[in-house]
């Protein structure tokens, strides 16, 4: 879920990085992440 950017509000990243195709997902502009990555280049198959 951290990779897909769908963590709950009480989640806190202390350190580290998630890089996707050279892009730093944790530092990426949220609008750009929503437009270019989430649900588009990275998609999700849920449990239920």
ModelCIF file with pLDDT and N, C-alpha, C, O atoms, coordinates in Angstrom:
data_MODEL
#
_entry.id   MODEL 
#
_entity.id                         1 
_entity.type                       polymer 
_entity.pdbx_number_of_molecules   1 
#
_entity_poly.entity_id                      1 
_entity_poly.type                           'polypeptide(L)' 
_entity_poly.nstd_linkage                   no 
_entity_poly.nstd_monomer                   no 
_entity_poly.pdbx_seq_one_letter_code       
;(UNK)(UNK)(UNK)(UNK)(UNK)(UNK)(UNK)(UNK)(UNK)(UNK)(UNK)(UNK)(UNK)(UNK)(UNK)(UNK)
(UNK)(UNK)(UNK)(UNK)(UNK)(UNK)(UNK)(UNK)(UNK)(UNK)(UNK)(UNK)(UNK)(UNK)(UNK)(UNK)
(UNK)(UNK)(UNK)(UNK)(UNK)(UNK)(UNK)(UNK)(UNK)(UNK)(UNK)(UNK)(UNK)(UNK)(UNK)(UNK)
;
_entity_poly.pdbx_seq_one_letter_code_can   XXXXXXXXXXXXXXXXXXXXXXXXXXXXXXXXXXXXXXXXXXXXXXXX 
_entity_poly.pdbx_strand_id                 A 
#
loop_
_entity_poly_seq.entity_id 
_entity_poly_seq.num 
_entity_poly_seq.mon_id 
_entity_poly_seq.hetero 
1 1  UNK n 
1 2  UNK n 
1 3  UNK n 
1 4  UNK n 
1 5  UNK n 
1 6  UNK n 
1 7  UNK n 
1 8  UNK n 
1 9  UNK n 
1 10 UNK n 
1 11 UNK n 
1 12 UNK n 
1 13 UNK n 
1 14 UNK n 
1 15 UNK n 
1 16 UNK n 
1 17 UNK n 
1 18 UNK n 
1 19 UNK n 
1 20 UNK n 
1 21 UNK n 
1 22 UNK n 
1 23 UNK n 
1 24 UNK n 
1 25 UNK n 
1 26 UNK n 
1 27 UNK n 
1 28 UNK n 
1 29 UNK n 
1 30 UNK n 
1 31 UNK n 
1 32 UNK n 
1 33 UNK n 
1 34 UNK n 
1 35 UNK n 
1 36 UNK n 
1 37 UNK n 
1 38 UNK n 
1 39 UNK n 
1 40 UNK n 
1 41 UNK n 
1 42 UNK n 
1 43 UNK n 
1 44 UNK n 
1 45 UNK n 
1 46 UNK n 
1 47 UNK n 
1 48 UNK n 
#
_struct_asym.id          A 
_struct_asym.entity_id   1 
#
loop_
_ma_qa_metric.id 
_ma_qa_metric.mode 
_ma_qa_metric.name 
_ma_qa_metric.software_group_id 
_ma_qa_metric.type 
1 global pLDDT . pLDDT 
2 local  pLDDT . pLDDT 
#
_ma_qa_metric_global.metric_id      1 
_ma_qa_metric_global.metric_value   92.98 
_ma_qa_metric_global.model_id       1 
_ma_qa_metric_global.ordinal_id     1 
#
loop_
_ma_qa_metric_local.label_asym_id 
_ma_qa_metric_local.label_comp_id 
_ma_qa_metric_local.label_seq_id 
_ma_qa_metric_local.metric_id 
_ma_qa_metric_local.metric_value 
_ma_qa_metric_local.model_id 
_ma_qa_metric_local.ordinal_id 
A UNK 1  2 92.00 1 1  
A UNK 2  2 95.00 1 2  
A UNK 3  2 95.00 1 3  
A UNK 4  2 93.00 1 4  
A UNK 5  2 91.00 1 5  
A UNK 6  2 90.00 1 6  
A UNK 7  2 91.00 1 7  
A UNK 8  2 91.00 1 8  
A UNK 9  2 93.00 1 9  
A UNK 10 2 95.00 1 10 
A UNK 11 2 95.00 1 11 
A UNK 12 2 95.00 1 12 
A UNK 13 2 95.00 1 13 
A UNK 14 2 95.00 1 14 
A UNK 15 2 96.00 1 15 
A UNK 16 2 96.00 1 16 
A UNK 17 2 97.00 1 17 
A UNK 18 2 97.00 1 18 
A UNK 19 2 97.00 1 19 
A UNK 20 2 97.00 1 20 
A UNK 21 2 95.00 1 21 
A UNK 22 2 92.00 1 22 
A UNK 23 2 94.00 1 23 
A UNK 24 2 95.00 1 24 
A UNK 25 2 95.00 1 25 
A UNK 26 2 94.00 1 26 
A UNK 27 2 92.00 1 27 
A UNK 28 2 94.00 1 28 
A UNK 29 2 93.00 1 29 
A UNK 30 2 91.00 1 30 
A UNK 31 2 88.00 1 31 
A UNK 32 2 90.00 1 32 
A UNK 33 2 93.00 1 33 
A UNK 34 2 90.00 1 34 
A UNK 35 2 88.00 1 35 
A UNK 36 2 90.00 1 36 
A UNK 37 2 94.00 1 37 
A UNK 38 2 94.00 1 38 
A UNK 39 2 93.00 1 39 
A UNK 40 2 94.00 1 40 
A UNK 41 2 96.00 1 41 
A UNK 42 2 97.00 1 42 
A UNK 43 2 96.00 1 43 
A UNK 44 2 94.00 1 44 
A UNK 45 2 93.00 1 45 
A UNK 46 2 87.00 1 46 
A UNK 47 2 84.00 1 47 
A UNK 48 2 81.00 1 48 
#
loop_
_atom_site.group_PDB 
_atom_site.id 
_atom_site.type_symbol 
_atom_site.label_atom_id 
_atom_site.label_alt_id 
_atom_site.label_comp_id 
_atom_site.label_asym_id 
_atom_site.label_entity_id 
_atom_site.label_seq_id 
_atom_site.pdbx_PDB_ins_code 
_atom_site.Cartn_x 
_atom_site.Cartn_y 
_atom_site.Cartn_z 
_atom_site.occupancy 
_atom_site.B_iso_or_equiv 
_atom_site.pdbx_formal_charge 
_atom_site.auth_seq_id 
_atom_site.auth_comp_id 
_atom_site.auth_asym_id 
_atom_site.auth_atom_id 
_atom_site.pdbx_PDB_model_num 
ATOM 1   N N  . UNK A 1 1  ? 0.820   -1.211  0.000   1.00 92.00 ? 1  UNK A N  1 
ATOM 2   C CA . UNK A 1 1  ? 0.000   0.000   0.000   1.00 92.00 ? 1  UNK A CA 1 
ATOM 3   C C  . UNK A 1 1  ? 0.856   1.264   0.000   1.00 92.00 ? 1  UNK A C  1 
ATOM 4   O O  . UNK A 1 1  ? 0.462   2.279   -0.574  1.00 92.00 ? 1  UNK A O  1 
ATOM 5   N N  . UNK A 1 2  ? 2.008   1.210   0.631   1.00 95.00 ? 2  UNK A N  1 
ATOM 6   C CA . UNK A 1 2  ? 2.913   2.359   0.605   1.00 95.00 ? 2  UNK A CA 1 
ATOM 7   C C  . UNK A 1 2  ? 3.376   2.636   -0.814  1.00 95.00 ? 2  UNK A C  1 
ATOM 8   O O  . UNK A 1 2  ? 3.508   3.792   -1.216  1.00 95.00 ? 2  UNK A O  1 
ATOM 9   N N  . UNK A 1 3  ? 3.620   1.584   -1.568  1.00 95.00 ? 3  UNK A N  1 
ATOM 10  C CA . UNK A 1 3  ? 4.051   1.736   -2.956  1.00 95.00 ? 3  UNK A CA 1 
ATOM 11  C C  . UNK A 1 3  ? 2.954   2.365   -3.805  1.00 95.00 ? 3  UNK A C  1 
ATOM 12  O O  . UNK A 1 3  ? 3.232   3.148   -4.713  1.00 95.00 ? 3  UNK A O  1 
ATOM 13  N N  . UNK A 1 4  ? 1.708   2.018   -3.504  1.00 93.00 ? 4  UNK A N  1 
ATOM 14  C CA . UNK A 1 4  ? 0.587   2.552   -4.276  1.00 93.00 ? 4  UNK A CA 1 
ATOM 15  C C  . UNK A 1 4  ? 0.076   3.884   -3.723  1.00 93.00 ? 4  UNK A C  1 
ATOM 16  O O  . UNK A 1 4  ? -0.781  4.521   -4.335  1.00 93.00 ? 4  UNK A O  1 
ATOM 17  N N  . UNK A 1 5  ? 0.603   4.310   -2.559  1.00 91.00 ? 5  UNK A N  1 
ATOM 18  C CA . UNK A 1 5  ? 0.197   5.592   -1.994  1.00 91.00 ? 5  UNK A CA 1 
ATOM 19  C C  . UNK A 1 5  ? -1.192  5.586   -1.404  1.00 91.00 ? 5  UNK A C  1 
ATOM 20  O O  . UNK A 1 5  ? -1.911  6.580   -1.503  1.00 91.00 ? 5  UNK A O  1 
ATOM 21  N N  . UNK A 1 6  ? -1.592  4.459   -0.777  1.00 90.00 ? 6  UNK A N  1 
ATOM 22  C CA . UNK A 1 6  ? -2.942  4.383   -0.202  1.00 90.00 ? 6  UNK A CA 1 
ATOM 23  C C  . UNK A 1 6  ? -2.878  4.021   1.284   1.00 90.00 ? 6  UNK A C  1 
ATOM 24  O O  . UNK A 1 6  ? -3.676  3.218   1.768   1.00 90.00 ? 6  UNK A O  1 
ATOM 25  N N  . UNK A 1 7  ? -1.937  4.611   1.995   1.00 91.00 ? 7  UNK A N  1 
ATOM 26  C CA . UNK A 1 7  ? -1.818  4.394   3.434   1.00 91.00 ? 7  UNK A CA 1 
ATOM 27  C C  . UNK A 1 7  ? -2.878  5.188   4.191   1.00 91.00 ? 7  UNK A C  1 
ATOM 28  O O  . UNK A 1 7  ? -3.381  6.197   3.696   1.00 91.00 ? 7  UNK A O  1 
ATOM 29  N N  . UNK A 1 8  ? -3.209  4.730   5.383   1.00 91.00 ? 8  UNK A N  1 
ATOM 30  C CA . UNK A 1 8  ? -4.189  5.420   6.212   1.00 91.00 ? 8  UNK A CA 1 
ATOM 31  C C  . UNK A 1 8  ? -3.591  6.711   6.786   1.00 91.00 ? 8  UNK A C  1 
ATOM 32  O O  . UNK A 1 8  ? -2.370  6.857   6.816   1.00 91.00 ? 8  UNK A O  1 
ATOM 33  N N  . UNK A 1 9  ? -4.432  7.647   7.240   1.00 93.00 ? 9  UNK A N  1 
ATOM 34  C CA . UNK A 1 9  ? -3.932  8.939   7.718   1.00 93.00 ? 9  UNK A CA 1 
ATOM 35  C C  . UNK A 1 9  ? -2.983  8.853   8.909   1.00 93.00 ? 9  UNK A C  1 
ATOM 36  O O  . UNK A 1 9  ? -2.155  9.746   9.089   1.00 93.00 ? 9  UNK A O  1 
ATOM 37  N N  . UNK A 1 10 ? -3.077  7.812   9.722   1.00 95.00 ? 10 UNK A N  1 
ATOM 38  C CA . UNK A 1 10 ? -2.199  7.715   10.889  1.00 95.00 ? 10 UNK A CA 1 
ATOM 39  C C  . UNK A 1 10 ? -0.861  7.059   10.569  1.00 95.00 ? 10 UNK A C  1 
ATOM 40  O O  . UNK A 1 10 ? -0.069  6.796   11.475  1.00 95.00 ? 10 UNK A O  1 
ATOM 41  N N  . UNK A 1 11 ? -0.600  6.791   9.287   1.00 95.00 ? 11 UNK A N  1 
ATOM 42  C CA . UNK A 1 11 ? 0.688   6.225   8.888   1.00 95.00 ? 11 UNK A CA 1 
ATOM 43  C C  . UNK A 1 11 ? 1.754   7.319   8.857   1.00 95.00 ? 11 UNK A C  1 
ATOM 44  O O  . UNK A 1 11 ? 1.471   8.469   8.518   1.00 95.00 ? 11 UNK A O  1 
ATOM 45  N N  . UNK A 1 12 ? 2.977   6.945   9.214   1.00 95.00 ? 12 UNK A N  1 
ATOM 46  C CA . UNK A 1 12 ? 4.086   7.912   9.212   1.00 95.00 ? 12 UNK A CA 1 
ATOM 47  C C  . UNK A 1 12 ? 5.345   7.252   8.671   1.00 95.00 ? 12 UNK A C  1 
ATOM 48  O O  . UNK A 1 12 ? 5.807   6.242   9.202   1.00 95.00 ? 12 UNK A O  1 
ATOM 49  N N  . UNK A 1 13 ? 5.903   7.840   7.593   1.00 95.00 ? 13 UNK A N  1 
ATOM 50  C CA . UNK A 1 13 ? 7.161   7.362   7.027   1.00 95.00 ? 13 UNK A CA 1 
ATOM 51  C C  . UNK A 1 13 ? 8.302   8.058   7.751   1.00 95.00 ? 13 UNK A C  1 
ATOM 52  O O  . UNK A 1 13 ? 8.389   9.285   7.750   1.00 95.00 ? 13 UNK A O  1 
ATOM 53  N N  . UNK A 1 14 ? 9.175   7.273   8.370   1.00 95.00 ? 14 UNK A N  1 
ATOM 54  C CA . UNK A 1 14 ? 10.294  7.833   9.115   1.00 95.00 ? 14 UNK A CA 1 
ATOM 55  C C  . UNK A 1 14 ? 11.514  8.064   8.230   1.00 95.00 ? 14 UNK A C  1 
ATOM 56  O O  . UNK A 1 14 ? 12.179  9.094   8.337   1.00 95.00 ? 14 UNK A O  1 
ATOM 57  N N  . UNK A 1 15 ? 11.804  7.109   7.363   1.00 96.00 ? 15 UNK A N  1 
ATOM 58  C CA . UNK A 1 15 ? 12.977  7.233   6.490   1.00 96.00 ? 15 UNK A CA 1 
ATOM 59  C C  . UNK A 1 15 ? 12.894  6.194   5.391   1.00 96.00 ? 15 UNK A C  1 
ATOM 60  O O  . UNK A 1 15 ? 12.009  5.339   5.388   1.00 96.00 ? 15 UNK A O  1 
ATOM 61  N N  . UNK A 1 16 ? 13.829  6.281   4.456   1.00 96.00 ? 16 UNK A N  1 
ATOM 62  C CA . UNK A 1 16 ? 13.875  5.335   3.357   1.00 96.00 ? 16 UNK A CA 1 
ATOM 63  C C  . UNK A 1 16 ? 13.289  5.907   2.087   1.00 96.00 ? 16 UNK A C  1 
ATOM 64  O O  . UNK A 1 16 ? 12.846  7.055   2.059   1.00 96.00 ? 16 UNK A O  1 
ATOM 65  N N  . UNK A 1 17 ? 13.287  5.107   1.036   1.00 97.00 ? 17 UNK A N  1 
ATOM 66  C CA . UNK A 1 17 ? 12.808  5.581   -0.250  1.00 97.00 ? 17 UNK A CA 1 
ATOM 67  C C  . UNK A 1 17 ? 12.091  4.474   -1.013  1.00 97.00 ? 17 UNK A C  1 
ATOM 68  O O  . UNK A 1 17 ? 12.345  3.286   -0.811  1.00 97.00 ? 17 UNK A O  1 
ATOM 69  N N  . UNK A 1 18 ? 11.187  4.897   -1.896  1.00 97.00 ? 18 UNK A N  1 
ATOM 70  C CA . UNK A 1 18 ? 10.518  4.011   -2.841  1.00 97.00 ? 18 UNK A CA 1 
ATOM 71  C C  . UNK A 1 18 ? 10.725  4.631   -4.213  1.00 97.00 ? 18 UNK A C  1 
ATOM 72  O O  . UNK A 1 18 ? 10.172  5.688   -4.514  1.00 97.00 ? 18 UNK A O  1 
ATOM 73  N N  . UNK A 1 19 ? 11.517  3.975   -5.039  1.00 97.00 ? 19 UNK A N  1 
ATOM 74  C CA . UNK A 1 19 ? 11.809  4.490   -6.380  1.00 97.00 ? 19 UNK A CA 1 
ATOM 75  C C  . UNK A 1 19 ? 11.164  3.581   -7.419  1.00 97.00 ? 19 UNK A C  1 
ATOM 76  O O  . UNK A 1 19 ? 11.341  2.363   -7.413  1.00 97.00 ? 19 UNK A O  1 
ATOM 77  N N  . UNK A 1 20 ? 10.406  4.222   -8.316  1.00 97.00 ? 20 UNK A N  1 
ATOM 78  C CA . UNK A 1 20 ? 9.715   3.497   -9.377  1.00 97.00 ? 20 UNK A CA 1 
ATOM 79  C C  . UNK A 1 20 ? 10.162  4.057   -10.718 1.00 97.00 ? 20 UNK A C  1 
ATOM 80  O O  . UNK A 1 20 ? 9.923   5.224   -11.028 1.00 97.00 ? 20 UNK A O  1 
ATOM 81  N N  . UNK A 1 21 ? 10.810  3.217   -11.505 1.00 95.00 ? 21 UNK A N  1 
ATOM 82  C CA . UNK A 1 21 ? 11.327  3.638   -12.812 1.00 95.00 ? 21 UNK A CA 1 
ATOM 83  C C  . UNK A 1 21 ? 12.149  4.926   -12.693 1.00 95.00 ? 21 UNK A C  1 
ATOM 84  O O  . UNK A 1 21 ? 12.073  5.806   -13.552 1.00 95.00 ? 21 UNK A O  1 
ATOM 85  N N  . UNK A 1 22 ? 12.930  5.020   -11.621 1.00 92.00 ? 22 UNK A N  1 
ATOM 86  C CA . UNK A 1 22 ? 13.792  6.177   -11.388 1.00 92.00 ? 22 UNK A CA 1 
ATOM 87  C C  . UNK A 1 22 ? 13.146  7.328   -10.663 1.00 92.00 ? 22 UNK A C  1 
ATOM 88  O O  . UNK A 1 22 ? 13.833  8.288   -10.314 1.00 92.00 ? 22 UNK A O  1 
ATOM 89  N N  . UNK A 1 23 ? 11.832  7.271   -10.419 1.00 94.00 ? 23 UNK A N  1 
ATOM 90  C CA . UNK A 1 23 ? 11.121  8.360   -9.742  1.00 94.00 ? 23 UNK A CA 1 
ATOM 91  C C  . UNK A 1 23 ? 10.972  8.068   -8.254  1.00 94.00 ? 23 UNK A C  1 
ATOM 92  O O  . UNK A 1 23 ? 10.629  6.953   -7.859  1.00 94.00 ? 23 UNK A O  1 
ATOM 93  N N  . UNK A 1 24 ? 11.234  9.078   -7.438  1.00 95.00 ? 24 UNK A N  1 
ATOM 94  C CA . UNK A 1 24 ? 11.065  8.964   -5.988  1.00 95.00 ? 24 UNK A CA 1 
ATOM 95  C C  . UNK A 1 24 ? 9.591   9.162   -5.655  1.00 95.00 ? 24 UNK A C  1 
ATOM 96  O O  . UNK A 1 24 ? 9.095   10.289  -5.661  1.00 95.00 ? 24 UNK A O  1 
ATOM 97  N N  . UNK A 1 25 ? 8.892   8.068   -5.366  1.00 95.00 ? 25 UNK A N  1 
ATOM 98  C CA . UNK A 1 25 ? 7.452   8.164   -5.138  1.00 95.00 ? 25 UNK A CA 1 
ATOM 99  C C  . UNK A 1 25 ? 7.116   8.915   -3.862  1.00 95.00 ? 25 UNK A C  1 
ATOM 100 O O  . UNK A 1 25 ? 6.122   9.641   -3.818  1.00 95.00 ? 25 UNK A O  1 
ATOM 101 N N  . UNK A 1 26 ? 7.927   8.753   -2.820  1.00 94.00 ? 26 UNK A N  1 
ATOM 102 C CA . UNK A 1 26 ? 7.629   9.424   -1.552  1.00 94.00 ? 26 UNK A CA 1 
ATOM 103 C C  . UNK A 1 26 ? 7.819   10.933  -1.647  1.00 94.00 ? 26 UNK A C  1 
ATOM 104 O O  . UNK A 1 26 ? 7.175   11.694  -0.924  1.00 94.00 ? 26 UNK A O  1 
ATOM 105 N N  . UNK A 1 27 ? 8.713   11.366  -2.548  1.00 92.00 ? 27 UNK A N  1 
ATOM 106 C CA . UNK A 1 27 ? 8.963   12.802  -2.699  1.00 92.00 ? 27 UNK A CA 1 
ATOM 107 C C  . UNK A 1 27 ? 8.250   13.427  -3.878  1.00 92.00 ? 27 UNK A C  1 
ATOM 108 O O  . UNK A 1 27 ? 8.382   14.627  -4.116  1.00 92.00 ? 27 UNK A O  1 
ATOM 109 N N  . UNK A 1 28 ? 7.498   12.636  -4.619  1.00 94.00 ? 28 UNK A N  1 
ATOM 110 C CA . UNK A 1 28 ? 6.833   13.135  -5.822  1.00 94.00 ? 28 UNK A CA 1 
ATOM 111 C C  . UNK A 1 28 ? 5.656   14.036  -5.465  1.00 94.00 ? 28 UNK A C  1 
ATOM 112 O O  . UNK A 1 28 ? 4.961   13.812  -4.474  1.00 94.00 ? 28 UNK A O  1 
ATOM 113 N N  . UNK A 1 29 ? 5.448   15.058  -6.292  1.00 93.00 ? 29 UNK A N  1 
ATOM 114 C CA . UNK A 1 29 ? 4.292   15.933  -6.139  1.00 93.00 ? 29 UNK A CA 1 
ATOM 115 C C  . UNK A 1 29 ? 3.017   15.093  -6.164  1.00 93.00 ? 29 UNK A C  1 
ATOM 116 O O  . UNK A 1 29 ? 2.831   14.306  -7.091  1.00 93.00 ? 29 UNK A O  1 
ATOM 117 N N  . UNK A 1 30 ? 2.130   15.236  -5.167  1.00 91.00 ? 30 UNK A N  1 
ATOM 118 C CA . UNK A 1 30 ? 0.930   14.393  -5.088  1.00 91.00 ? 30 UNK A CA 1 
ATOM 119 C C  . UNK A 1 30 ? 0.045   14.455  -6.329  1.00 91.00 ? 30 UNK A C  1 
ATOM 120 O O  . UNK A 1 30 ? -0.544  13.448  -6.723  1.00 91.00 ? 30 UNK A O  1 
ATOM 121 N N  . UNK A 1 31 ? -0.048  15.615  -6.938  1.00 88.00 ? 31 UNK A N  1 
ATOM 122 C CA . UNK A 1 31 ? -0.884  15.740  -8.138  1.00 88.00 ? 31 UNK A CA 1 
ATOM 123 C C  . UNK A 1 31 ? -0.283  14.933  -9.286  1.00 88.00 ? 31 UNK A C  1 
ATOM 124 O O  . UNK A 1 31 ? -0.998  14.244  -10.013 1.00 88.00 ? 31 UNK A O  1 
ATOM 125 N N  . UNK A 1 32 ? 1.033   15.027  -9.440  1.00 90.00 ? 32 UNK A N  1 
ATOM 126 C CA . UNK A 1 32 ? 1.698   14.261  -10.489 1.00 90.00 ? 32 UNK A CA 1 
ATOM 127 C C  . UNK A 1 32 ? 1.589   12.757  -10.224 1.00 90.00 ? 32 UNK A C  1 
ATOM 128 O O  . UNK A 1 32 ? 1.383   11.968  -11.146 1.00 90.00 ? 32 UNK A O  1 
ATOM 129 N N  . UNK A 1 33 ? 1.731   12.375  -8.955  1.00 93.00 ? 33 UNK A N  1 
ATOM 130 C CA . UNK A 1 33 ? 1.610   10.964  -8.593  1.00 93.00 ? 33 UNK A CA 1 
ATOM 131 C C  . UNK A 1 33 ? 0.225   10.432  -8.950  1.00 93.00 ? 33 UNK A C  1 
ATOM 132 O O  . UNK A 1 33 ? 0.087   9.325   -9.471  1.00 93.00 ? 33 UNK A O  1 
ATOM 133 N N  . UNK A 1 34 ? -0.802  11.237  -8.661  1.00 90.00 ? 34 UNK A N  1 
ATOM 134 C CA . UNK A 1 34 ? -2.174  10.839  -8.952  1.00 90.00 ? 34 UNK A CA 1 
ATOM 135 C C  . UNK A 1 34 ? -2.405  10.716  -10.456 1.00 90.00 ? 34 UNK A C  1 
ATOM 136 O O  . UNK A 1 34 ? -3.072  9.785   -10.908 1.00 90.00 ? 34 UNK A O  1 
ATOM 137 N N  . UNK A 1 35 ? -1.862  11.641  -11.223 1.00 88.00 ? 35 UNK A N  1 
ATOM 138 C CA . UNK A 1 35 ? -2.095  11.663  -12.663 1.00 88.00 ? 35 UNK A CA 1 
ATOM 139 C C  . UNK A 1 35 ? -1.303  10.585  -13.407 1.00 88.00 ? 35 UNK A C  1 
ATOM 140 O O  . UNK A 1 35 ? -1.839  9.899   -14.277 1.00 88.00 ? 35 UNK A O  1 
ATOM 141 N N  . UNK A 1 36 ? -0.030  10.446  -13.058 1.00 90.00 ? 36 UNK A N  1 
ATOM 142 C CA . UNK A 1 36 ? 0.865   9.636   -13.875 1.00 90.00 ? 36 UNK A CA 1 
ATOM 143 C C  . UNK A 1 36 ? 1.103   8.224   -13.357 1.00 90.00 ? 36 UNK A C  1 
ATOM 144 O O  . UNK A 1 36 ? 1.366   7.313   -14.143 1.00 90.00 ? 36 UNK A O  1 
ATOM 145 N N  . UNK A 1 37 ? 1.015   8.033   -12.046 1.00 94.00 ? 37 UNK A N  1 
ATOM 146 C CA . UNK A 1 37 ? 1.452   6.759   -11.473 1.00 94.00 ? 37 UNK A CA 1 
ATOM 147 C C  . UNK A 1 37 ? 0.291   5.930   -10.919 1.00 94.00 ? 37 UNK A C  1 
ATOM 148 O O  . UNK A 1 37 ? 0.029   4.828   -11.401 1.00 94.00 ? 37 UNK A O  1 
ATOM 149 N N  . UNK A 1 38 ? -0.382  6.441   -9.939  1.00 94.00 ? 38 UNK A N  1 
ATOM 150 C CA . UNK A 1 38 ? -1.408  5.683   -9.222  1.00 94.00 ? 38 UNK A CA 1 
ATOM 151 C C  . UNK A 1 38 ? -2.577  5.310   -10.131 1.00 94.00 ? 38 UNK A C  1 
ATOM 152 O O  . UNK A 1 38 ? -3.205  6.180   -10.735 1.00 94.00 ? 38 UNK A O  1 
ATOM 153 N N  . UNK A 1 39 ? -2.862  4.022   -10.223 1.00 93.00 ? 39 UNK A N  1 
ATOM 154 C CA . UNK A 1 39 ? -3.970  3.560   -11.030 1.00 93.00 ? 39 UNK A CA 1 
ATOM 155 C C  . UNK A 1 39 ? -3.712  3.602   -12.513 1.00 93.00 ? 39 UNK A C  1 
ATOM 156 O O  . UNK A 1 39 ? -4.586  3.273   -13.316 1.00 93.00 ? 39 UNK A O  1 
ATOM 157 N N  . UNK A 1 40 ? -2.495  4.015   -12.885 1.00 94.00 ? 40 UNK A N  1 
ATOM 158 C CA . UNK A 1 40 ? -2.172  4.103   -14.303 1.00 94.00 ? 40 UNK A CA 1 
ATOM 159 C C  . UNK A 1 40 ? -0.927  3.263   -14.614 1.00 94.00 ? 40 UNK A C  1 
ATOM 160 O O  . UNK A 1 40 ? -1.021  2.253   -15.311 1.00 94.00 ? 40 UNK A O  1 
ATOM 161 N N  . UNK A 1 41 ? 0.219   3.672   -14.106 1.00 96.00 ? 41 UNK A N  1 
ATOM 162 C CA . UNK A 1 41 ? 1.436   2.867   -14.303 1.00 96.00 ? 41 UNK A CA 1 
ATOM 163 C C  . UNK A 1 41 ? 1.603   1.824   -13.197 1.00 96.00 ? 41 UNK A C  1 
ATOM 164 O O  . UNK A 1 41 ? 2.260   0.802   -13.398 1.00 96.00 ? 41 UNK A O  1 
ATOM 165 N N  . UNK A 1 42 ? 1.011   2.081   -12.036 1.00 97.00 ? 42 UNK A N  1 
ATOM 166 C CA . UNK A 1 42 ? 0.949   1.083   -10.970 1.00 97.00 ? 42 UNK A CA 1 
ATOM 167 C C  . UNK A 1 42 ? -0.520  0.839   -10.668 1.00 97.00 ? 42 UNK A C  1 
ATOM 168 O O  . UNK A 1 42 ? -1.240  1.765   -10.294 1.00 97.00 ? 42 UNK A O  1 
ATOM 169 N N  . UNK A 1 43 ? -0.968  -0.396  -10.827 1.00 96.00 ? 43 UNK A N  1 
ATOM 170 C CA . UNK A 1 43 ? -2.367  -0.722  -10.577 1.00 96.00 ? 43 UNK A CA 1 
ATOM 171 C C  . UNK A 1 43 ? -2.463  -1.784  -9.478  1.00 96.00 ? 43 UNK A C  1 
ATOM 172 O O  . UNK A 1 43 ? -1.453  -2.290  -8.990  1.00 96.00 ? 43 UNK A O  1 
ATOM 173 N N  . UNK A 1 44 ? -3.697  -2.104  -9.105  1.00 94.00 ? 44 UNK A N  1 
ATOM 174 C CA . UNK A 1 44 ? -3.925  -2.873  -7.873  1.00 94.00 ? 44 UNK A CA 1 
ATOM 175 C C  . UNK A 1 44 ? -4.997  -3.938  -8.090  1.00 94.00 ? 44 UNK A C  1 
ATOM 176 O O  . UNK A 1 44 ? -6.044  -3.669  -8.679  1.00 94.00 ? 44 UNK A O  1 
ATOM 177 N N  . UNK A 1 45 ? -4.724  -5.149  -7.608  1.00 93.00 ? 45 UNK A N  1 
ATOM 178 C CA . UNK A 1 45 ? -5.732  -6.208  -7.549  1.00 93.00 ? 45 UNK A CA 1 
ATOM 179 C C  . UNK A 1 45 ? -5.969  -6.485  -6.069  1.00 93.00 ? 45 UNK A C  1 
ATOM 180 O O  . UNK A 1 45 ? -5.056  -6.958  -5.392  1.00 93.00 ? 45 UNK A O  1 
ATOM 181 N N  . UNK A 1 46 ? -7.158  -6.210  -5.545  1.00 87.00 ? 46 UNK A N  1 
ATOM 182 C CA . UNK A 1 46 ? -7.414  -6.341  -4.105  1.00 87.00 ? 46 UNK A CA 1 
ATOM 183 C C  . UNK A 1 46 ? -7.689  -7.778  -3.683  1.00 87.00 ? 46 UNK A C  1 
ATOM 184 O O  . UNK A 1 46 ? -7.864  -8.665  -4.519  1.00 87.00 ? 46 UNK A O  1 
ATOM 185 N N  . UNK A 1 47 ? -7.724  -7.992  -2.368  1.00 84.00 ? 47 UNK A N  1 
ATOM 186 C CA . UNK A 1 47 ? -8.053  -9.297  -1.814  1.00 84.00 ? 47 UNK A CA 1 
ATOM 187 C C  . UNK A 1 47 ? -9.504  -9.676  -2.073  1.00 84.00 ? 47 UNK A C  1 
ATOM 188 O O  . UNK A 1 47 ? -9.811  -10.816 -2.419  1.00 84.00 ? 47 UNK A O  1 
ATOM 189 N N  . UNK A 1 48 ? -10.383 -8.707  -1.900  1.00 81.00 ? 48 UNK A N  1 
ATOM 190 C CA . UNK A 1 48 ? -11.817 -8.980  -1.866  1.00 81.00 ? 48 UNK A CA 1 
ATOM 191 C C  . UNK A 1 48 ? -12.500 -8.544  -3.153  1.00 81.00 ? 48 UNK A C  1 
ATOM 192 O O  . UNK A 1 48 ? -13.713 -8.702  -3.292  1.00 81.00 ? 48 UNK A O  1 
#
